[in-house]
Amino acid sequence: QVQVVESGGGLVQAGDSLSLSCTASTLKNIMGLGWSRQPPGEQRDLVAYITTGGSLTYADSVKGRFTISWDDAKNTVSLQMNTLKPSDTGVYYCFARHYLIGGQERDFWGRGTQVTVGS
């Protein structure tokens, strides 16, 4: 089992910045950490993902505004969100992608943190 804990989030205004942090209990057999978000009444979609080797993936809607990176702190990634929009509102969930024998993967999820962007 891998425990994932998020921190950050809150209420901001459009155009503001906000930073989220995510810490995994271990990076053993972990391929990467990422963030997904779930707007009210919608499905959960990927926002950003970083592998342990540093490869990056971003949703088109956040490219140029959000940056995911490994922190100096052990087992932690940050999601820096700039120029926030009301459409960025939602619950942000961090996940750790775990490599399983046979090439399969399993995602371990945090409990989520609310981000609300006012207009």
PDB file of N, CA and C in Angstrom:
ATOM      1  N   GLN A   1       0.830  -1.191   0.000  1.00  0.00           N
ATOM      2  CA  GLN A   1       0.000   0.000   0.000  1.00  0.00           C
ATOM      3  C   GLN A   1       0.866   1.243   0.000  1.00  0.00           C
ATOM      4  N   VAL A   2       0.404   2.263  -0.693  1.00  0.00           N
ATOM      5  CA  VAL A   2       1.071   3.554  -0.737  1.00  0.00           C
ATOM      6  C   VAL A   2       0.092   4.608  -0.230  1.00  0.00           C
ATOM      7  N   GLN A   3       0.510   5.357   0.757  1.00  0.00           N
ATOM      8  CA  GLN A   3      -0.333   6.449   1.247  1.00  0.00           C
ATOM      9  C   GLN A   3       0.042   7.740   0.534  1.00  0.00           C
ATOM     10  N   VAL A   4      -0.968   8.483   0.147  1.00  0.00           N
ATOM     11  CA  VAL A   4      -0.772   9.737  -0.576  1.00  0.00           C
ATOM     12  C   VAL A   4      -1.516  10.835   0.185  1.00  0.00           C
ATOM     13  N   VAL A   5      -0.812  11.909   0.466  1.00  0.00           N
ATOM     14  CA  VAL A   5      -1.401  13.002   1.237  1.00  0.00           C
ATOM     15  C   VAL A   5      -1.217  14.314   0.503  1.00  0.00           C
ATOM     16  N   GLU A   6      -2.331  15.024   0.305  1.00  0.00           N
ATOM     17  CA  GLU A   6      -2.289  16.328  -0.360  1.00  0.00           C
ATOM     18  C   GLU A   6      -2.339  17.449   0.670  1.00  0.00           C
ATOM     19  N   SER A   7      -1.810  18.596   0.270  1.00  0.00           N
ATOM     20  CA  SER A   7      -1.954  19.811   1.069  1.00  0.00           C
ATOM     21  C   SER A   7      -2.044  20.997   0.128  1.00  0.00           C
ATOM     22  N   GLY A   8      -2.597  22.077   0.654  1.00  0.00           N
ATOM     23  CA  GLY A   8      -2.818  23.263  -0.162  1.00  0.00           C
ATOM     24  C   GLY A   8      -4.281  23.371  -0.511  1.00  0.00           C
ATOM     25  N   GLY A   9      -4.602  24.123  -1.518  1.00  0.00           N
ATOM     26  CA  GLY A   9      -5.989  24.327  -1.891  1.00  0.00           C
ATOM     27  C   GLY A   9      -6.576  25.500  -1.152  1.00  0.00           C
ATOM     28  N   GLY A  10      -7.798  25.854  -1.540  1.00  0.00           N
ATOM     29  CA  GLY A  10      -8.475  26.966  -0.897  1.00  0.00           C
ATOM     30  C   GLY A  10      -9.287  27.771  -1.879  1.00  0.00           C
ATOM     31  N   LEU A  11      -9.662  28.954  -1.432  1.00  0.00           N
ATOM     32  CA  LEU A  11     -10.481  29.860  -2.236  1.00  0.00           C
ATOM     33  C   LEU A  11      -9.626  31.029  -2.715  1.00  0.00           C
ATOM     34  N   VAL A  12      -9.605  31.233  -4.026  1.00  0.00           N
ATOM     35  CA  VAL A  12      -8.851  32.334  -4.617  1.00  0.00           C
ATOM     36  C   VAL A  12      -9.713  33.016  -5.669  1.00  0.00           C
ATOM     37  N   GLN A  13      -9.214  34.121  -6.196  1.00  0.00           N
ATOM     38  CA  GLN A  13      -9.912  34.839  -7.252  1.00  0.00           C
ATOM     39  C   GLN A  13      -9.259  34.561  -8.602  1.00  0.00           C
ATOM     40  N   ALA A  14     -10.024  34.755  -9.663  1.00  0.00           N
ATOM     41  CA  ALA A  14      -9.497  34.554 -11.011  1.00  0.00           C
ATOM     42  C   ALA A  14      -8.231  35.386 -11.211  1.00  0.00           C
ATOM     43  N   GLY A  15      -7.228  34.759 -11.799  1.00  0.00           N
ATOM     44  CA  GLY A  15      -5.951  35.422 -12.030  1.00  0.00           C
ATOM     45  C   GLY A  15      -4.930  35.185 -10.937  1.00  0.00           C
ATOM     46  N   ASP A  16      -5.383  34.659  -9.805  1.00  0.00           N
ATOM     47  CA  ASP A  16      -4.476  34.385  -8.694  1.00  0.00           C
ATOM     48  C   ASP A  16      -3.675  33.111  -8.945  1.00  0.00           C
ATOM     49  N   SER A  17      -2.718  32.876  -8.035  1.00  0.00           N
ATOM     50  CA  SER A  17      -1.902  31.660  -8.070  1.00  0.00           C
ATOM     51  C   SER A  17      -2.131  30.855  -6.799  1.00  0.00           C
ATOM     52  N   LEU A  18      -1.865  29.560  -6.904  1.00  0.00           N
ATOM     53  CA  LEU A  18      -2.023  28.661  -5.768  1.00  0.00           C
ATOM     54  C   LEU A  18      -1.088  27.479  -5.978  1.00  0.00           C
ATOM     55  N   SER A  19      -0.569  26.935  -4.883  1.00  0.00           N
ATOM     56  CA  SER A  19       0.324  25.788  -4.979  1.00  0.00           C
ATOM     57  C   SER A  19      -0.228  24.631  -4.159  1.00  0.00           C
ATOM     58  N   LEU A  20      -0.200  23.440  -4.730  1.00  0.00           N
ATOM     59  CA  LEU A  20      -0.591  22.209  -4.047  1.00  0.00           C
ATOM     60  C   LEU A  20       0.640  21.334  -3.878  1.00  0.00           C
ATOM     61  N   SER A  21       0.672  20.571  -2.785  1.00  0.00           N
ATOM     62  CA  SER A  21       1.746  19.611  -2.558  1.00  0.00           C
ATOM     63  C   SER A  21       1.172  18.227  -2.358  1.00  0.00           C
ATOM     64  N   CYS A  22       1.956  17.231  -2.746  1.00  0.00           N
ATOM     65  CA  CYS A  22       1.539  15.842  -2.610  1.00  0.00           C
ATOM     66  C   CYS A  22       2.734  15.024  -2.156  1.00  0.00           C
ATOM     67  N   THR A  23       2.550  14.264  -1.090  1.00  0.00           N
ATOM     68  CA  THR A  23       3.614  13.426  -0.563  1.00  0.00           C
ATOM     69  C   THR A  23       3.172  11.973  -0.562  1.00  0.00           C
ATOM     70  N   ALA A  24       4.017  11.118  -1.113  1.00  0.00           N
ATOM     71  CA  ALA A  24       3.775   9.675  -1.099  1.00  0.00           C
ATOM     72  C   ALA A  24       4.603   9.043   0.009  1.00  0.00           C
ATOM     73  N   SER A  25       4.071   7.986   0.610  1.00  0.00           N
ATOM     74  CA  SER A  25       4.766   7.347   1.731  1.00  0.00           C
ATOM     75  C   SER A  25       6.045   6.646   1.295  1.00  0.00           C
ATOM     76  N   THR A  26       6.129   6.301   0.017  1.00  0.00           N
ATOM     77  CA  THR A  26       7.312   5.646  -0.535  1.00  0.00           C
ATOM     78  C   THR A  26       7.350   5.869  -2.034  1.00  0.00           C
ATOM     79  N   LEU A  27       8.548   5.845  -2.588  1.00  0.00           N
ATOM     80  CA  LEU A  27       8.695   5.889  -4.045  1.00  0.00           C
ATOM     81  C   LEU A  27       9.157   4.536  -4.585  1.00  0.00           C
ATOM     82  N   LYS A  28       9.154   3.520  -3.725  1.00  0.00           N
ATOM     83  CA  LYS A  28       9.549   2.188  -4.167  1.00  0.00           C
ATOM     84  C   LYS A  28       8.519   1.660  -5.161  1.00  0.00           C
ATOM     85  N   ASN A  29       8.982   1.297  -6.346  1.00  0.00           N
ATOM     86  CA  ASN A  29       8.119   0.794  -7.420  1.00  0.00           C
ATOM     87  C   ASN A  29       7.088   1.823  -7.898  1.00  0.00           C
ATOM     88  N   ILE A  30       7.353   3.088  -7.636  1.00  0.00           N
ATOM     89  CA  ILE A  30       6.464   4.148  -8.105  1.00  0.00           C
ATOM     90  C   ILE A  30       6.990   4.705  -9.419  1.00  0.00           C
ATOM     91  N   MET A  31       6.112   4.778 -10.415  1.00  0.00           N
ATOM     92  CA  MET A  31       6.493   5.284 -11.724  1.00  0.00           C
ATOM     93  C   MET A  31       6.428   6.804 -11.765  1.00  0.00           C
ATOM     94  N   GLY A  32       5.513   7.384 -11.001  1.00  0.00           N
ATOM     95  CA  GLY A  32       5.356   8.828 -10.993  1.00  0.00           C
ATOM     96  C   GLY A  32       4.230   9.256 -10.091  1.00  0.00           C
ATOM     97  N   LEU A  33       4.105  10.575  -9.909  1.00  0.00           N
ATOM     98  CA  LEU A  33       3.010  11.170  -9.142  1.00  0.00           C
ATOM     99  C   LEU A  33       2.265  12.148 -10.038  1.00  0.00           C
ATOM    100  N   GLY A  34       0.999  12.304  -9.781  1.00  0.00           N
ATOM    101  CA  GLY A  34       0.224  13.211 -10.615  1.00  0.00           C
ATOM    102  C   GLY A  34      -0.970  13.788  -9.901  1.00  0.00           C
ATOM    103  N   TRP A  35      -1.638  14.682 -10.601  1.00  0.00           N
ATOM    104  CA  TRP A  35      -2.839  15.337 -10.083  1.00  0.00           C
ATOM    105  C   TRP A  35      -3.973  15.187 -11.089  1.00  0.00           C
ATOM    106  N   SER A  36      -5.124  14.859 -10.565  1.00  0.00           N
ATOM    107  CA  SER A  36      -6.355  14.909 -11.347  1.00  0.00           C
ATOM    108  C   SER A  36      -7.326  15.820 -10.625  1.00  0.00           C
ATOM    109  N   ARG A  37      -8.315  16.310 -11.329  1.00  0.00           N
ATOM    110  CA  ARG A  37      -9.320  17.156 -10.680  1.00  0.00           C
ATOM    111  C   ARG A  37     -10.708  16.749 -11.126  1.00  0.00           C
ATOM    112  N   GLN A  38     -11.648  17.011 -10.234  1.00  0.00           N
ATOM    113  CA  GLN A  38     -13.033  16.673 -10.503  1.00  0.00           C
ATOM    114  C   GLN A  38     -13.896  17.898 -10.248  1.00  0.00           C
ATOM    115  N   PRO A  39     -14.320  18.583 -11.306  1.00  0.00           N
ATOM    116  CA  PRO A  39     -15.235  19.716 -11.135  1.00  0.00           C
ATOM    117  C   PRO A  39     -16.585  19.218 -10.627  1.00  0.00           C
ATOM    118  N   PRO A  40     -17.388  20.082 -10.063  1.00  0.00           N
ATOM    119  CA  PRO A  40     -18.697  19.677  -9.564  1.00  0.00           C
ATOM    120  C   PRO A  40     -19.548  19.031 -10.652  1.00  0.00           C
ATOM    121  N   GLY A  41     -20.039  17.834 -10.385  1.00  0.00           N
ATOM    122  CA  GLY A  41     -20.916  17.148 -11.314  1.00  0.00           C
ATOM    123  C   GLY A  41     -20.238  16.570 -12.546  1.00  0.00           C
ATOM    124  N   GLU A  42     -18.925  16.582 -12.560  1.00  0.00           N
ATOM    125  CA  GLU A  42     -18.209  16.075 -13.732  1.00  0.00           C
ATOM    126  C   GLU A  42     -17.285  14.934 -13.345  1.00  0.00           C
ATOM    127  N   GLN A  43     -16.664  14.339 -14.349  1.00  0.00           N
ATOM    128  CA  GLN A  43     -15.762  13.228 -14.092  1.00  0.00           C
ATOM    129  C   GLN A  43     -14.392  13.754 -13.681  1.00  0.00           C
ATOM    130  N   ARG A  44     -13.599  12.863 -13.134  1.00  0.00           N
ATOM    131  CA  ARG A  44     -12.242  13.196 -12.720  1.00  0.00           C
ATOM    132  C   ARG A  44     -11.308  13.046 -13.924  1.00  0.00           C
ATOM    133  N   ASP A  45     -10.547  14.087 -14.217  1.00  0.00           N
ATOM    134  CA  ASP A  45      -9.645  14.078 -15.370  1.00  0.00           C
ATOM    135  C   ASP A  45      -8.225  14.440 -14.947  1.00  0.00           C
ATOM    136  N   LEU A  46      -7.265  13.944 -15.695  1.00  0.00           N
ATOM    137  CA  LEU A  46      -5.853  14.224 -15.427  1.00  0.00           C
ATOM    138  C   LEU A  46      -5.545  15.698 -15.636  1.00  0.00           C
ATOM    139  N   VAL A  47      -4.771  16.259 -14.725  1.00  0.00           N
ATOM    140  CA  VAL A  47      -4.283  17.634 -14.848  1.00  0.00           C
ATOM    141  C   VAL A  47      -2.805  17.642 -15.200  1.00  0.00           C
ATOM    142  N   ALA A  48      -2.018  16.907 -14.427  1.00  0.00           N
ATOM    143  CA  ALA A  48      -0.576  16.893 -14.657  1.00  0.00           C
ATOM    144  C   ALA A  48       0.016  15.640 -14.041  1.00  0.00           C
ATOM    145  N   TYR A  49       1.133  15.185 -14.622  1.00  0.00           N
ATOM    146  CA  TYR A  49       1.783  13.957 -14.168  1.00  0.00           C
ATOM    147  C   TYR A  49       3.276  14.102 -14.404  1.00  0.00           C
ATOM    148  N   ILE A  50       4.067  13.627 -13.441  1.00  0.00           N
ATOM    149  CA  ILE A  50       5.521  13.642 -13.592  1.00  0.00           C
ATOM    150  C   ILE A  50       6.051  12.289 -13.196  1.00  0.00           C
ATOM    151  N   THR A  51       6.910  11.729 -14.036  1.00  0.00           N
ATOM    152  CA  THR A  51       7.516  10.444 -13.719  1.00  0.00           C
ATOM    153  C   THR A  51       8.726  10.633 -12.807  1.00  0.00           C
ATOM    154  N   THR A  52       9.189   9.560 -12.230  1.00  0.00           N
ATOM    155  CA  THR A  52      10.373   9.639 -11.383  1.00  0.00           C
ATOM    156  C   THR A  52      11.593  10.036 -12.209  1.00  0.00           C
ATOM    157  N   GLY A  53      11.520   9.859 -13.520  1.00  0.00           N
ATOM    158  CA  GLY A  53      12.601  10.276 -14.397  1.00  0.00           C
ATOM    159  C   GLY A  53      12.464  11.712 -14.888  1.00  0.00           C
ATOM    160  N   GLY A  54      11.344  12.353 -14.547  1.00  0.00           N
ATOM    161  CA  GLY A  54      11.164  13.760 -14.883  1.00  0.00           C
ATOM    162  C   GLY A  54      10.321  14.034 -16.122  1.00  0.00           C
ATOM    163  N   SER A  55       9.782  13.013 -16.759  1.00  0.00           N
ATOM    164  CA  SER A  55       8.908  13.236 -17.909  1.00  0.00           C
ATOM    165  C   SER A  55       7.593  13.849 -17.447  1.00  0.00           C
ATOM    166  N   LEU A  56       7.074  14.778 -18.274  1.00  0.00           N
ATOM    167  CA  LEU A  56       5.905  15.557 -17.879  1.00  0.00           C
ATOM    168  C   LEU A  56       4.738  15.329 -18.823  1.00  0.00           C
ATOM    169  N   THR A  57       3.534  15.371 -18.253  1.00  0.00           N
ATOM    170  CA  THR A  57       2.298  15.341 -19.026  1.00  0.00           C
ATOM    171  C   THR A  57       1.347  16.376 -18.437  1.00  0.00           C
ATOM    172  N   TYR A  58       0.721  17.175 -19.310  1.00  0.00           N
ATOM    173  CA  TYR A  58      -0.250  18.179 -18.875  1.00  0.00           C
ATOM    174  C   TYR A  58      -1.521  18.080 -19.705  1.00  0.00           C
ATOM    175  N   ALA A  59      -2.645  18.374 -19.066  1.00  0.00           N
ATOM    176  CA  ALA A  59      -3.877  18.552 -19.818  1.00  0.00           C
ATOM    177  C   ALA A  59      -3.747  19.826 -20.651  1.00  0.00           C
ATOM    178  N   ASP A  60      -4.364  19.821 -21.834  1.00  0.00           N
ATOM    179  CA  ASP A  60      -4.275  20.994 -22.712  1.00  0.00           C
ATOM    180  C   ASP A  60      -4.782  22.255 -22.016  1.00  0.00           C
ATOM    181  N   SER A  61      -5.782  22.095 -21.174  1.00  0.00           N
ATOM    182  CA  SER A  61      -6.416  23.255 -20.543  1.00  0.00           C
ATOM    183  C   SER A  61      -5.516  23.964 -19.530  1.00  0.00           C
ATOM    184  N   VAL A  62      -4.429  23.310 -19.099  1.00  0.00           N
ATOM    185  CA  VAL A  62      -3.567  23.927 -18.079  1.00  0.00           C
ATOM    186  C   VAL A  62      -2.152  24.196 -18.588  1.00  0.00           C
ATOM    187  N   LYS A  63      -1.850  23.796 -19.811  1.00  0.00           N
ATOM    188  CA  LYS A  63      -0.510  24.021 -20.355  1.00  0.00           C
ATOM    189  C   LYS A  63      -0.181  25.509 -20.363  1.00  0.00           C
ATOM    190  N   GLY A  64       1.013  25.825 -19.890  1.00  0.00           N
ATOM    191  CA  GLY A  64       1.446  27.211 -19.824  1.00  0.00           C
ATOM    192  C   GLY A  64       1.027  27.924 -18.556  1.00  0.00           C
ATOM    193  N   ARG A  65       0.140  27.313 -17.778  1.00  0.00           N
ATOM    194  CA  ARG A  65      -0.328  27.937 -16.534  1.00  0.00           C
ATOM    195  C   ARG A  65       0.053  27.112 -15.296  1.00  0.00           C
ATOM    196  N   PHE A  66       0.051  25.787 -15.425  1.00  0.00           N
ATOM    197  CA  PHE A  66       0.357  24.907 -14.302  1.00  0.00           C
ATOM    198  C   PHE A  66       1.725  24.271 -14.520  1.00  0.00           C
ATOM    199  N   THR A  67       2.434  24.069 -13.409  1.00  0.00           N
ATOM    200  CA  THR A  67       3.730  23.405 -13.459  1.00  0.00           C
ATOM    201  C   THR A  67       3.810  22.373 -12.348  1.00  0.00           C
ATOM    202  N   ILE A  68       4.128  21.140 -12.725  1.00  0.00           N
ATOM    203  CA  ILE A  68       4.326  20.081 -11.740  1.00  0.00           C
ATOM    204  C   ILE A  68       5.828  19.814 -11.643  1.00  0.00           C
ATOM    205  N   SER A  69       6.309  19.618 -10.425  1.00  0.00           N
ATOM    206  CA  SER A  69       7.746  19.419 -10.248  1.00  0.00           C
ATOM    207  C   SER A  69       8.011  18.650  -8.968  1.00  0.00           C
ATOM    208  N   TRP A  70       9.176  18.007  -8.927  1.00  0.00           N
ATOM    209  CA  TRP A  70       9.600  17.331  -7.711  1.00  0.00           C
ATOM    210  C   TRP A  70      10.159  18.377  -6.749  1.00  0.00           C
ATOM    211  N   ASP A  71       9.778  18.240  -5.498  1.00  0.00           N
ATOM    212  CA  ASP A  71      10.302  19.118  -4.466  1.00  0.00           C
ATOM    213  C   ASP A  71      11.620  18.579  -3.929  1.00  0.00           C
ATOM    214  N   ASP A  72      12.345  19.462  -3.253  1.00  0.00           N
ATOM    215  CA  ASP A  72      13.541  19.015  -2.545  1.00  0.00           C
ATOM    216  C   ASP A  72      13.169  18.044  -1.435  1.00  0.00           C
ATOM    217  N   ALA A  73      11.954  18.222  -0.895  1.00  0.00           N
ATOM    218  CA  ALA A  73      11.483  17.310   0.155  1.00  0.00           C
ATOM    219  C   ALA A  73      11.304  15.920  -0.439  1.00  0.00           C
ATOM    220  N   LYS A  74      11.582  14.932   0.328  1.00  0.00           N
ATOM    221  CA  LYS A  74      11.533  13.560  -0.144  1.00  0.00           C
ATOM    222  C   LYS A  74      10.112  13.148  -0.515  1.00  0.00           C
ATOM    223  N   ASN A  75       9.973  12.478  -1.627  1.00  0.00           N
ATOM    224  CA  ASN A  75       8.705  11.860  -2.036  1.00  0.00           C
ATOM    225  C   ASN A  75       7.593  12.866  -2.279  1.00  0.00           C
ATOM    226  N   THR A  76       7.925  14.101  -2.604  1.00  0.00           N
ATOM    227  CA  THR A  76       6.920  15.158  -2.717  1.00  0.00           C
ATOM    228  C   THR A  76       6.973  15.842  -4.069  1.00  0.00           C
ATOM    229  N   VAL A  77       5.792  16.091  -4.628  1.00  0.00           N
ATOM    230  CA  VAL A  77       5.694  16.909  -5.829  1.00  0.00           C
ATOM    231  C   VAL A  77       4.808  18.111  -5.523  1.00  0.00           C
ATOM    232  N   SER A  78       5.054  19.168  -6.249  1.00  0.00           N
ATOM    233  CA  SER A  78       4.245  20.377  -6.136  1.00  0.00           C
ATOM    234  C   SER A  78       3.542  20.644  -7.447  1.00  0.00           C
ATOM    235  N   LEU A  79       2.371  21.227  -7.364  1.00  0.00           N
ATOM    236  CA  LEU A  79       1.643  21.698  -8.536  1.00  0.00           C
ATOM    237  C   LEU A  79       1.448  23.201  -8.366  1.00  0.00           C
ATOM    238  N   GLN A  80       2.196  23.970  -9.135  1.00  0.00           N
ATOM    239  CA  GLN A  80       2.079  25.419  -9.101  1.00  0.00           C
ATOM    240  C   GLN A  80       1.045  25.830 -10.137  1.00  0.00           C
ATOM    241  N   MET A  81       0.002  26.500  -9.688  1.00  0.00           N
ATOM    242  CA  MET A  81      -1.099  26.881 -10.569  1.00  0.00           C
ATOM    243  C   MET A  81      -1.150  28.401 -10.653  1.00  0.00           C
ATOM    244  N   ASN A  82      -0.935  28.915 -11.853  1.00  0.00           N
ATOM    245  CA  ASN A  82      -0.945  30.361 -12.078  1.00  0.00           C
ATOM    246  C   ASN A  82      -2.114  30.748 -12.975  1.00  0.00           C
ATOM    247  N   THR A  83      -2.434  32.020 -12.938  1.00  0.00           N
ATOM    248  CA  THR A  83      -3.519  32.564 -13.771  1.00  0.00           C
ATOM    249  C   THR A  83      -4.758  31.680 -13.691  1.00  0.00           C
ATOM    250  N   LEU A  84      -5.193  31.419 -12.478  1.00  0.00           N
ATOM    251  CA  LEU A  84      -6.322  30.525 -12.272  1.00  0.00           C
ATOM    252  C   LEU A  84      -7.606  31.085 -12.849  1.00  0.00           C
ATOM    253  N   LYS A  85      -8.454  30.176 -13.324  1.00  0.00           N
ATOM    254  CA  LYS A  85      -9.738  30.511 -13.920  1.00  0.00           C
ATOM    255  C   LYS A  85     -10.853  29.841 -13.119  1.00  0.00           C
ATOM    256  N   PRO A  86     -12.057  30.369 -13.199  1.00  0.00           N
ATOM    257  CA  PRO A  86     -13.175  29.693 -12.528  1.00  0.00           C
ATOM    258  C   PRO A  86     -13.334  28.243 -12.982  1.00  0.00           C
ATOM    259  N   SER A  87     -12.974  27.950 -14.219  1.00  0.00           N
ATOM    260  CA  SER A  87     -13.076  26.580 -14.734  1.00  0.00           C
ATOM    261  C   SER A  87     -12.053  25.642 -14.106  1.00  0.00           C
ATOM    262  N   ASP A  88     -11.117  26.170 -13.348  1.00  0.00           N
ATOM    263  CA  ASP A  88     -10.153  25.325 -12.623  1.00  0.00           C
ATOM    264  C   ASP A  88     -10.724  24.833 -11.296  1.00  0.00           C
ATOM    265  N   THR A  89     -11.902  25.290 -10.952  1.00  0.00           N
ATOM    266  CA  THR A  89     -12.539  24.882  -9.696  1.00  0.00           C
ATOM    267  C   THR A  89     -12.819  23.386  -9.680  1.00  0.00           C
ATOM    268  N   GLY A  90     -12.552  22.759  -8.543  1.00  0.00           N
ATOM    269  CA  GLY A  90     -12.842  21.350  -8.389  1.00  0.00           C
ATOM    270  C   GLY A  90     -12.071  20.763  -7.223  1.00  0.00           C
ATOM    271  N   VAL A  91     -12.271  19.476  -7.003  1.00  0.00           N
ATOM    272  CA  VAL A  91     -11.481  18.755  -6.013  1.00  0.00           C
ATOM    273  C   VAL A  91     -10.262  18.189  -6.725  1.00  0.00           C
ATOM    274  N   TYR A  92      -9.102  18.499  -6.202  1.00  0.00           N
ATOM    275  CA  TYR A  92      -7.845  18.049  -6.791  1.00  0.00           C
ATOM    276  C   TYR A  92      -7.345  16.839  -6.004  1.00  0.00           C
ATOM    277  N   TYR A  93      -7.138  15.755  -6.737  1.00  0.00           N
ATOM    278  CA  TYR A  93      -6.674  14.509  -6.141  1.00  0.00           C
ATOM    279  C   TYR A  93      -5.268  14.200  -6.621  1.00  0.00           C
ATOM    280  N   CYS A  94      -4.403  13.855  -5.702  1.00  0.00           N
ATOM    281  CA  CYS A  94      -3.076  13.388  -6.064  1.00  0.00           C
ATOM    282  C   CYS A  94      -3.091  11.859  -6.145  1.00  0.00           C
ATOM    283  N   PHE A  95      -2.281  11.327  -7.039  1.00  0.00           N
ATOM    284  CA  PHE A  95      -2.175   9.871  -7.131  1.00  0.00           C
ATOM    285  C   PHE A  95      -0.723   9.464  -7.348  1.00  0.00           C
ATOM    286  N   ALA A  96      -0.418   8.273  -6.869  1.00  0.00           N
ATOM    287  CA  ALA A  96       0.895   7.669  -7.088  1.00  0.00           C
ATOM    288  C   ALA A  96       0.687   6.448  -7.978  1.00  0.00           C
ATOM    289  N   ARG A  97       1.396   6.399  -9.091  1.00  0.00           N
ATOM    290  CA  ARG A  97       1.259   5.290 -10.035  1.00  0.00           C
ATOM    291  C   ARG A  97       2.300   4.232  -9.700  1.00  0.00           C
ATOM    292  N   HIS A  98       1.812   3.068  -9.319  1.00  0.00           N
ATOM    293  CA  HIS A  98       2.656   1.980  -8.820  1.00  0.00           C
ATOM    294  C   HIS A  98       2.833   0.920  -9.889  1.00  0.00           C
ATOM    295  N   TYR A  99       4.044   0.480 -10.073  1.00  0.00           N
ATOM    296  CA  TYR A  99       4.329  -0.567 -11.051  1.00  0.00           C
ATOM    297  C   TYR A  99       4.104  -1.927 -10.405  1.00  0.00           C
ATOM    298  N   LEU A 100       3.357  -2.783 -11.108  1.00  0.00           N
ATOM    299  CA  LEU A 100       3.098  -4.136 -10.627  1.00  0.00           C
ATOM    300  C   LEU A 100       3.814  -5.149 -11.518  1.00  0.00           C
ATOM    301  N   ILE A 101       4.066  -6.296 -10.970  1.00  0.00           N
ATOM    302  CA  ILE A 101       4.696  -7.374 -11.740  1.00  0.00           C
ATOM    303  C   ILE A 101       3.805  -7.710 -12.925  1.00  0.00           C
ATOM    304  N   GLY A 102       4.411  -7.901 -14.084  1.00  0.00           N
ATOM    305  CA  GLY A 102       3.645  -8.209 -15.287  1.00  0.00           C
ATOM    306  C   GLY A 102       3.332  -6.987 -16.116  1.00  0.00           C
ATOM    307  N   GLY A 103       3.842  -5.845 -15.702  1.00  0.00           N
ATOM    308  CA  GLY A 103       3.650  -4.636 -16.482  1.00  0.00           C
ATOM    309  C   GLY A 103       2.383  -3.866 -16.175  1.00  0.00           C
ATOM    310  N   GLN A 104       1.610  -4.342 -15.207  1.00  0.00           N
ATOM    311  CA  GLN A 104       0.390  -3.622 -14.846  1.00  0.00           C
ATOM    312  C   GLN A 104       0.709  -2.452 -13.924  1.00  0.00           C
ATOM    313  N   GLU A 105      -0.268  -1.568 -13.811  1.00  0.00           N
ATOM    314  CA  GLU A 105      -0.109  -0.381 -12.970  1.00  0.00           C
ATOM    315  C   GLU A 105      -1.300  -0.264 -12.037  1.00  0.00           C
ATOM    316  N   ARG A 106      -1.052   0.370 -10.902  1.00  0.00           N
ATOM    317  CA  ARG A 106      -2.141   0.653  -9.977  1.00  0.00           C
ATOM    318  C   ARG A 106      -1.931   2.050  -9.420  1.00  0.00           C
ATOM    319  N   ASP A 107      -3.001   2.832  -9.403  1.00  0.00           N
ATOM    320  CA  ASP A 107      -2.926   4.183  -8.862  1.00  0.00           C
ATOM    321  C   ASP A 107      -3.437   4.194  -7.422  1.00  0.00           C
ATOM    322  N   PHE A 108      -2.660   4.825  -6.548  1.00  0.00           N
ATOM    323  CA  PHE A 108      -3.081   5.046  -5.165  1.00  0.00           C
ATOM    324  C   PHE A 108      -3.447   6.526  -5.028  1.00  0.00           C
ATOM    325  N   TRP A 109      -4.621   6.786  -4.469  1.00  0.00           N
ATOM    326  CA  TRP A 109      -5.169   8.137  -4.459  1.00  0.00           C
ATOM    327  C   TRP A 109      -5.181   8.756  -3.062  1.00  0.00           C
ATOM    328  N   GLY A 110      -4.996  10.075  -3.044  1.00  0.00           N
ATOM    329  CA  GLY A 110      -5.217  10.822  -1.827  1.00  0.00           C
ATOM    330  C   GLY A 110      -6.695  11.137  -1.663  1.00  0.00           C
ATOM    331  N   ARG A 111      -7.026  11.845  -0.591  1.00  0.00           N
ATOM    332  CA  ARG A 111      -8.426  12.149  -0.283  1.00  0.00           C
ATOM    333  C   ARG A 111      -8.946  13.362  -1.039  1.00  0.00           C
ATOM    334  N   GLY A 112      -8.031  14.133  -1.593  1.00  0.00           N
ATOM    335  CA  GLY A 112      -8.445  15.301  -2.362  1.00  0.00           C
ATOM    336  C   GLY A 112      -8.428  16.587  -1.573  1.00  0.00           C
ATOM    337  N   THR A 113      -8.249  17.684  -2.286  1.00  0.00           N
ATOM    338  CA  THR A 113      -8.280  19.016  -1.676  1.00  0.00           C
ATOM    339  C   THR A 113      -9.062  19.949  -2.590  1.00  0.00           C
ATOM    340  N   GLN A 114      -9.904  20.785  -1.996  1.00  0.00           N
ATOM    341  CA  GLN A 114     -10.792  21.644  -2.774  1.00  0.00           C
ATOM    342  C   GLN A 114     -10.059  22.904  -3.228  1.00  0.00           C
ATOM    343  N   VAL A 115     -10.228  23.211  -4.513  1.00  0.00           N
ATOM    344  CA  VAL A 115      -9.759  24.475  -5.067  1.00  0.00           C
ATOM    345  C   VAL A 115     -10.971  25.185  -5.657  1.00  0.00           C
ATOM    346  N   THR A 116     -11.223  26.393  -5.199  1.00  0.00           N
ATOM    347  CA  THR A 116     -12.337  27.183  -5.697  1.00  0.00           C
ATOM    348  C   THR A 116     -11.811  28.508  -6.217  1.00  0.00           C
ATOM    349  N   VAL A 117     -12.141  28.807  -7.475  1.00  0.00           N
ATOM    350  CA  VAL A 117     -11.679  30.044  -8.097  1.00  0.00           C
ATOM    351  C   VAL A 117     -12.895  30.920  -8.384  1.00  0.00           C
ATOM    352  N   GLY A 118     -12.954  32.057  -7.718  1.00  0.00           N
ATOM    353  CA  GLY A 118     -14.060  32.983  -7.907  1.00  0.00           C
ATOM    354  C   GLY A 118     -13.833  33.877  -9.113  1.00  0.00           C
ATOM    355  N   SER A 119     -14.916  34.314  -9.712  1.00  0.00           N
ATOM    356  CA  SER A 119     -14.801  35.167 -10.898  1.00  0.00           C
ATOM    357  C   SER A 119     -14.712  36.638 -10.526  1.00  0.00           C
TER     358      SER A 119
END
